[in-house]
């Protein structure tokens, strides 16, 4: 971690002395000035609201949380790349030091020694002579330009008061101040678009206020004494002096003012209260830890959207196959949280984590983990830091003695000598199956009066609590989390997971990003794995199964479809070179259809992806190359599987204007992280795996997969929402009409709760048999009878990726949501609806299934809105099959752009006597079908809705 240095000074109101207070390197983002002075930046807030600003100086800034702010400042050596996070709604700024330089900075050795006129021993830094004639040009070329080339477009100028450490006279001070003014002018001369914010610099504001966007200072209420290593309370006199400076800056220069204050890292209440105090004075707050290594609380408070799941999965079981992933993650996704895994045997995350994790779920197989003492200490530390913990299955440690005291659990003497009976239980126990106490599993603990027992068991005088909600979180012990039914290879939830997790982790109601729905309609995607492209149809009318699918499915339904091919199956370099002259033209014919998206299913269709890695070669007793198609002369090569097949398809099978967008994983669909990263590096999204198989014969939420699996940095695998016909036909052994049972899965993932979009997923070999074709038509007919919005697989994948980093924050009673613009629905809990007056980015709303809340329709990646119980009188989109963007709402009218891929329409609600035009052409009624333009279905049409006052 780089040396942290803020250069923020606390000036005594009655004397000229300056005292270094902080261990942080500050930078501030652009602040929109009044419209008369400067235009608003893209995505900048309106003049009626103060911008939100964050400062983060740790390594690897948590972009998912920070993007909720309008402006974010990062340390330039943090590893952050602004070009990779170019959301228009968030401006990323770099810290730069003007008055001092660290020896570790790359440009330090280029500075002439004569320019270094003093030192700051507290930080081992050198004070630079601002009056040196060559200094402004040097600073722009050596400091600003490299950062500009990296993509930064704004800078926080720190250590502006450093010259006062060495100035010997008023004349010296004036020369140094003139030098700083020259630097600022030089920056703006070379980079007129550069957004500059000063750290203090009160003395030079009269000369430069027209060149900067805001001024920051430190510690209006709470400070940090670096020398004394302690938090401080700011005196009333010092605060009054700062408020006087703030008043001058706002009234004379019309610039926003920022105060950065400090609270203990674990004390979110302190940060929340301090930010409210600053905000009440009309000053932009930011309150965080002294090192600025946490996401603090400012004009907004970010809602953490990650859950850390601690696991002990054995080494011979992949994370893909772990019960934590297969069973435990989905409920958390539905509640709005992405899941990150930490293995208990490895290094657990350090530091205070409450700024990014909403809670910790412990999902263990073992009652005692090998490193019990270290693990127990870590658990206690997280609880002390205010993070709630939910144990699901086992504690992983002894909970008597000191740990029992910390958890508020009393040890129960003895053990159960006969079968346990249920004394009391909460309604959340017995969800999919009734609890079946097992005295061999009993843990001898009882909760105290400050906890709520969810399941109390008794055997004679022996009485224990097997589940409870506690002051630090909660627990459900085995076997009351999930019951395993080995005979039928199924599971059942014993505890209602949504209710338990909400209560144990004290999850706050918030708008939940939702990947199942858009504009009130269930999303529908159709994708085809390439297997069987070379297989002949077994009925008259088509030569190959692919030809049958083309004629009887694609051309019949004409819905957006993502179709993949296996190069080793259809190319001259593959298994059937003699068929390539027939199969390749057939693939070209399919890919020429405007509603078919191009995907790859690899070169050789690996069955066991773990063995694609070089280090896994020795795991095969049947030979390293036996786990993929037996292509003559081929040995496994990940680059050939991924990049090679992409190039083959792009160069040989598709018309101009198209390219491979998606890689659909083959075989076990468990690619290693290296393969996932290679897919992204090759410019392809990725999907498959997950195994959502809920049905009437397996009616359990445990059979619903999560959105995907994070396999490491840059390696998020998106799961297919539903499974393919291979599963429903007993691995293609019959009955071949079995895929019609996927309709059960569609229904059970939609009602009473919509967990998944609708996904028709099958292989090319489904086109080879009459029974499987009939099943496919039945499935399509069902799907098209439902209120769906058809999209491509790539659209869904982007929504799933957007879910991982989607930001939710609150500004008082206003919600702020921000993403990449792909995920365009949030689900608000309860019966509240968005209040359209004063909202931004909200197109409309509709009721979610099963009373699970309200779907709020967004026009892009950013929205601000409040919720309430009254129904808006303004017009809004109640339902639409298509994409909306560029919403402008004025009183009882709204304007937006609209397009759709399949039978696009929208329906207006609210308002009265509404008139609708599309590209200036009047429409009849408030349900409007929008035909695609002559050029493309991708062309947006301009819609005007005007209603009576």
Foldseek 3Di string as FASTA:
>chain_A
DDFAAPLFWQQDLVDGDTDGFFRHHWKWDFWDFPPVQDDAFQQHDDPVDGFAIAEAEAAPDQQLAVLLGQEYEYEPPNPDQCVVVVDSSYAYAYEDEDFKDAPPDPCVVVDDPVQFQAADVVRNITGGQLLDPCVLVCCCVPPVVVVVVSPHQEYEYHNLVVVVVPDDDPVSVVSNLVSVLSNLVSNCVVRVRYEYEYACSLVNCVPCLSSHAAYEHEALAKGGGPVVRDIDGDDPSSNVSVVVSQCCCCPVSVHAYEYEHEDPALCLVVQVVVQVVCVVSVHWYWYHHRHSNATTATLWQFAAAEEEEEEADDPVDDPQRDLCFLFVQLLSVVLFHDYDYDYPVDDDDDDADVRHHLAYEYEYDDQADPPRVVSLVVVLVNLVSPHAYEYEAHPNYDCPDPNVVSQQKHFWPDFAPDAKDWPDAAVQFQDFHHDGDDRVQDGGIAHDPQKAAHTWIDHVVRIHGQWIAHPRFIYHHPPRQKDADVVVRAIAGRGNVNVRRCRRSVRDFFWHQDLQDFLRFGAEAEEAEAPQLVPAAPDPDGGGLLRLCVPQPCVVQVFQYEYEHAQQVQDCQHDCVVRNVPSQVSLLVVQARPRYAYAYAFHFQFQDQVLLDPVNQVVDPPGSQPRTHCTPPDDRDLCCRALVVQVCCQVRRYDPPHGHAEHEYGHQSPHAQVSQQVNVVSNHFYEADFQQDDAPVHPHSSRFGHQFDDNDVSRTYGYQRHDECCVQAVNVPDPLLSLLRCVRVCVSCAPQANSHGHYHYYYSCLSRYPNSSVSVVNVVVVVVVGRYAYDYPSLSSVSSVQSNSWIWIDSVQKIKIFTQFSRFKIFGAAAWAWAPVPKPQWQGWEQGHNNRGIITGGQGGIIMTGIDNDDYQAKHWSGWRWHWHDWDDDDNKIKIWTFGRPQTWTAIDHAAPKWKDKLNHTDPHRIDTDDADPVDSPDIIIMMIHHDD
